[in-house]
Protein backbone atom coordinates (compact mmCIF):
# COMPACT_ATOMS: atom_id res chain seq x y z
CA MET A 1 14.01 15.28 -5.19
CA SER A 2 11.31 17.23 -7.01
CA ASP A 3 10.77 20.89 -6.26
CA LYS A 4 7.07 19.95 -5.93
CA MET A 5 7.70 17.88 -2.80
CA ILE A 6 5.73 18.95 0.27
CA ASN A 7 7.65 19.58 3.47
CA ASP A 8 8.31 17.19 6.34
CA GLN A 9 5.71 18.82 8.58
CA ALA A 10 2.99 18.11 6.03
CA LEU A 11 4.20 14.53 5.57
CA ASP A 12 4.15 14.02 9.33
CA ILE A 13 0.59 15.34 9.59
CA ILE A 14 -0.73 13.23 6.72
CA PHE A 15 1.24 10.01 7.27
CA ARG A 16 4.08 9.59 9.73
CA GLU A 17 2.44 10.99 12.86
CA ALA A 18 -1.19 10.40 11.87
CA ARG A 19 -3.03 7.96 14.12
CA THR A 20 -6.36 6.19 14.23
CA HIS A 21 -8.19 8.08 16.96
CA ASN A 22 -10.74 6.66 19.39
CA GLY A 23 -11.19 9.72 21.65
CA TRP A 24 -12.46 13.11 20.58
CA GLU A 25 -12.57 16.70 21.78
CA GLU A 26 -16.03 18.25 22.10
CA ARG A 27 -15.47 20.43 19.06
CA LYS A 28 -17.82 20.35 16.11
CA VAL A 29 -16.69 19.81 12.55
CA THR A 30 -18.27 22.66 10.63
CA THR A 31 -20.22 22.19 7.43
CA THR A 32 -17.71 24.48 5.75
CA LEU A 33 -14.88 22.15 6.75
CA MET A 34 -16.78 19.06 5.61
CA GLN A 35 -17.25 20.71 2.23
CA ALA A 36 -13.58 21.69 2.11
CA VAL A 37 -12.49 18.08 2.76
CA TYR A 38 -14.71 16.84 -0.05
CA ASP A 39 -13.62 19.62 -2.41
CA LEU A 40 -9.99 18.64 -1.84
CA MET A 41 -10.36 14.86 -2.01
CA LYS A 42 -12.43 14.90 -5.19
CA TRP A 43 -9.30 15.68 -7.22
CA GLY A 44 -7.77 12.27 -6.45
CA ALA A 45 -7.47 9.99 -9.47
CA THR A 46 -10.10 7.36 -10.32
CA SER A 47 -10.30 5.19 -13.42
CA ALA A 48 -12.08 7.04 -16.23
CA ASN A 49 -12.72 9.75 -13.62
CA CYS A 50 -15.64 7.56 -12.50
CA SER A 51 -15.77 9.05 -8.97
CA PRO A 52 -18.12 6.44 -7.44
CA ALA A 53 -17.67 7.40 -3.76
CA ARG A 54 -20.63 8.84 -1.91
CA PHE A 55 -20.46 10.29 1.61
CA ILE A 56 -22.97 10.72 4.41
CA PHE A 57 -21.80 12.95 7.26
CA VAL A 58 -23.57 11.83 10.41
CA THR A 59 -23.43 14.60 13.00
CA SER A 60 -26.84 14.87 14.66
CA ASP A 61 -28.08 12.89 17.65
CA GLU A 62 -30.87 11.56 15.44
CA GLY A 63 -28.42 10.39 12.80
CA LYS A 64 -26.21 8.72 15.37
CA ALA A 65 -29.22 6.96 16.88
CA ARG A 66 -29.93 5.48 13.45
CA LEU A 67 -26.29 4.48 13.06
CA LYS A 68 -25.64 2.94 16.48
CA PRO A 69 -27.63 -0.32 16.14
CA HIS A 70 -25.53 -1.28 13.12
CA LEU A 71 -22.13 -0.80 14.80
CA ALA A 72 -20.05 -3.54 16.39
CA ALA A 73 -20.04 -3.21 20.17
CA GLY A 74 -16.42 -2.05 20.26
CA ASN A 75 -17.11 0.76 17.81
CA ALA A 76 -20.35 2.15 19.21
CA GLU A 77 -19.21 4.34 22.10
CA LYS A 78 -16.33 6.04 20.31
CA THR A 79 -18.53 6.71 17.28
CA MET A 80 -21.28 8.22 19.41
CA LYS A 81 -18.69 10.55 21.00
CA ALA A 82 -17.12 11.59 17.69
CA PRO A 83 -18.36 14.91 16.34
CA CYS A 84 -18.88 13.38 12.91
CA CYS A 85 -19.03 9.87 11.50
CA VAL A 86 -18.73 9.63 7.74
CA ILE A 87 -20.32 6.69 5.95
CA ILE A 88 -18.24 6.10 2.84
CA GLY A 89 -20.03 4.21 0.11
CA HIS A 90 -19.81 3.64 -3.61
CA ASP A 91 -22.53 4.13 -6.19
CA MET A 92 -23.14 1.03 -8.28
CA ALA A 93 -24.69 3.27 -10.94
CA PHE A 94 -21.63 5.54 -11.13
CA TYR A 95 -21.45 4.98 -14.89
CA GLU A 96 -24.61 7.07 -15.36
CA LYS A 97 -22.48 10.15 -14.60
CA LEU A 98 -19.68 9.28 -17.02
CA PRO A 99 -21.07 11.47 -19.83
CA GLN A 100 -20.55 14.38 -17.40
CA LEU A 101 -17.27 13.19 -15.84
CA PHE A 102 -15.53 11.60 -18.87
CA PRO A 103 -17.14 13.40 -21.82
CA HIS A 104 -14.55 12.78 -24.52
CA THR A 105 -15.65 9.19 -25.15
CA ASP A 106 -18.64 6.93 -24.51
CA ALA A 107 -17.29 5.39 -21.31
CA LYS A 108 -20.78 4.58 -20.05
CA SER A 109 -21.07 1.86 -22.67
CA TRP A 110 -18.09 0.05 -21.15
CA PHE A 111 -20.14 -0.69 -18.06
CA VAL A 112 -23.79 -1.06 -19.04
CA GLY A 113 -24.75 -4.72 -18.59
CA ASN A 114 -21.31 -5.71 -17.25
CA ASP A 115 -22.08 -6.32 -13.58
CA GLU A 116 -18.66 -7.74 -12.72
CA LEU A 117 -16.85 -4.70 -14.12
CA ILE A 118 -19.30 -2.36 -12.41
CA GLU A 119 -18.74 -4.02 -9.03
CA THR A 120 -14.95 -4.13 -9.18
CA THR A 121 -14.70 -0.59 -10.54
CA ALA A 122 -17.09 0.88 -7.97
CA PHE A 123 -15.46 -0.87 -5.02
CA ARG A 124 -11.85 -0.25 -6.07
CA ASN A 125 -12.28 3.40 -6.92
CA GLY A 126 -14.64 4.10 -4.04
CA THR A 127 -12.03 2.67 -1.67
CA LEU A 128 -9.37 4.86 -3.26
CA GLN A 129 -11.59 7.88 -2.75
CA GLY A 130 -12.14 6.89 0.88
CA ALA A 131 -8.37 6.95 1.35
CA TYR A 132 -8.15 10.31 -0.41
CA PHE A 133 -10.85 11.54 1.96
CA MET A 134 -8.75 10.62 5.00
CA ILE A 135 -5.66 12.29 3.57
CA ALA A 136 -7.65 15.43 2.77
CA ALA A 137 -9.18 15.48 6.26
CA ARG A 138 -5.75 15.20 7.89
CA ALA A 139 -4.32 17.86 5.56
CA LEU A 140 -7.06 20.23 6.70
CA GLY A 141 -6.41 19.71 10.41
CA LEU A 142 -8.79 16.88 11.28
CA ASP A 143 -8.04 13.51 12.82
CA CYS A 144 -9.54 10.27 11.54
CA GLY A 145 -10.80 7.03 13.04
CA PRO A 146 -11.53 4.69 10.13
CA MET A 147 -13.15 1.33 10.83
CA SER A 148 -14.93 -1.72 9.61
CA GLY A 149 -16.88 -3.45 12.35
CA PHE A 150 -20.43 -2.64 11.31
CA ASP A 151 -23.32 -4.30 9.53
CA ASN A 152 -23.07 -3.21 5.90
CA ALA A 153 -26.53 -4.50 5.02
CA GLY A 154 -28.04 -2.68 8.00
CA ILE A 155 -26.29 0.58 7.13
CA ASP A 156 -27.38 0.25 3.51
CA GLU A 157 -30.99 -0.31 4.54
CA GLU A 158 -30.93 2.59 7.00
CA PHE A 159 -29.03 5.20 5.00
CA PHE A 160 -28.98 4.14 1.34
CA LYS A 161 -32.39 2.49 0.90
CA GLY A 162 -33.85 3.13 -2.52
CA THR A 163 -30.49 4.14 -3.98
CA SER A 164 -27.75 2.34 -5.88
CA VAL A 165 -25.16 3.09 -3.17
CA LYS A 166 -23.48 0.43 -1.01
CA SER A 167 -21.48 1.15 2.13
CA ASN A 168 -17.76 0.40 2.20
CA PHE A 169 -16.33 1.66 5.50
CA ILE A 170 -16.95 4.36 8.06
CA CYS A 171 -14.61 7.01 9.39
CA ASN A 172 -15.00 9.19 12.44
CA ILE A 173 -13.53 12.66 11.97
CA GLY A 174 -12.88 15.48 14.39
CA TYR A 175 -10.17 16.64 16.75
CA GLY A 176 -8.62 13.59 18.35
CA THR A 177 -7.39 13.10 21.89
CA ASP A 178 -5.01 10.55 23.39
CA GLU A 179 -7.90 8.67 24.99
CA ASN A 180 -7.62 4.94 24.19
CA LEU A 181 -4.84 5.66 21.73
CA PHE A 182 -2.93 2.45 21.13
CA PRO A 183 0.87 2.40 20.81
CA ARG A 184 2.00 2.90 17.23
CA SER A 185 1.99 -0.43 15.41
CA PRO A 186 4.94 -1.39 13.22
CA ARG A 187 4.85 -1.40 9.43
CA LEU A 188 6.54 -3.68 6.93
CA SER A 189 9.88 -2.54 5.57
CA PHE A 190 10.41 -1.84 1.87
CA ASP A 191 12.21 -5.18 1.44
CA GLU A 192 9.39 -7.07 3.15
CA ALA A 193 6.63 -5.57 1.03
CA CYS A 194 8.21 -4.57 -2.29
CA GLN A 195 10.06 -5.95 -5.27
CA ILE A 196 11.87 -4.19 -8.09
CA VAL A 197 11.87 -6.22 -11.29
């Protein structure tokens, strides 16, 4: 084992004991903590450091009122009760920032005019960053409730209109309770999911 390995308590918090929460304490997530989560997750790897993920932290009653009509019925109540719902999207014009983010070569030229590469790169790396976001949130003491179950087009019109950002998934964050917490679901074993060749 590497001497860089984090301890079992940290692994439990991030992975083994982490759950998808549906119930929430009435504790706010501070702006400082939101910033800390982002400032930790941004170090996760993306191809050519493209960093396409964009985040909207919905915390106000007004913001939640805009969000609610676009949620599936089963997701509405728990999202309205969560202290913060994060809309995780990806910027389809991410390549415009590559001169800043990947300055040692002309990476922008790889993408200009190549819509298929733009789409796959934005979606893949934005999804990776969404996962990094959840890990960072858990590492900093928050619980997560990630979900699909919403109208992407509606969210995009409401929150990303006039931009090049598309929504991917949403994730409630806060301090979770055991309310409506489902029993832990099984996972596939190594032999079921993996091959060594």
